[in-house]
Amino acid sequence: MAHRGQVRRRGRIPVIILKEGKMFVAFSPALDLATCGRTYDEAYRNLREAVELFFEECLARGTLDAALESCGWRKTKTRPPRWVAPIIVGHDLIAVDIPQAA
């Protein structure tokens, strides 16, 4: 729901989807939000809903700037200013020794 005088701008945030057992976990590192679903699509939809609720609650509480800053977002110096999400610049797998119970 839009608040009076509120400007909306479509943006994109990074999403990572993992498979854990029979469940799919959707995680947005840009907002530190995660949710899950029985299918990839369900997890994706659930994360979209969680993101929308995150923004609605932050706006209602007047904490959007603080919340985004704490997640590493930056505000541009353009007029009007806009928020830019952190960008994932890579991902990789590393080889490690994982301890096993005796």
Foldseek 3Di string as FASTA:
>chain_A
DDDPPDDDDDDDFDWDWDDDPQKIKIATLQQRDIDIDNDPVVRVVVVVVVVVVVVVVCVVVVNVVVSNVVSPWDWDPDVVIDIDTDDDPDDDDDDDDDDDDD
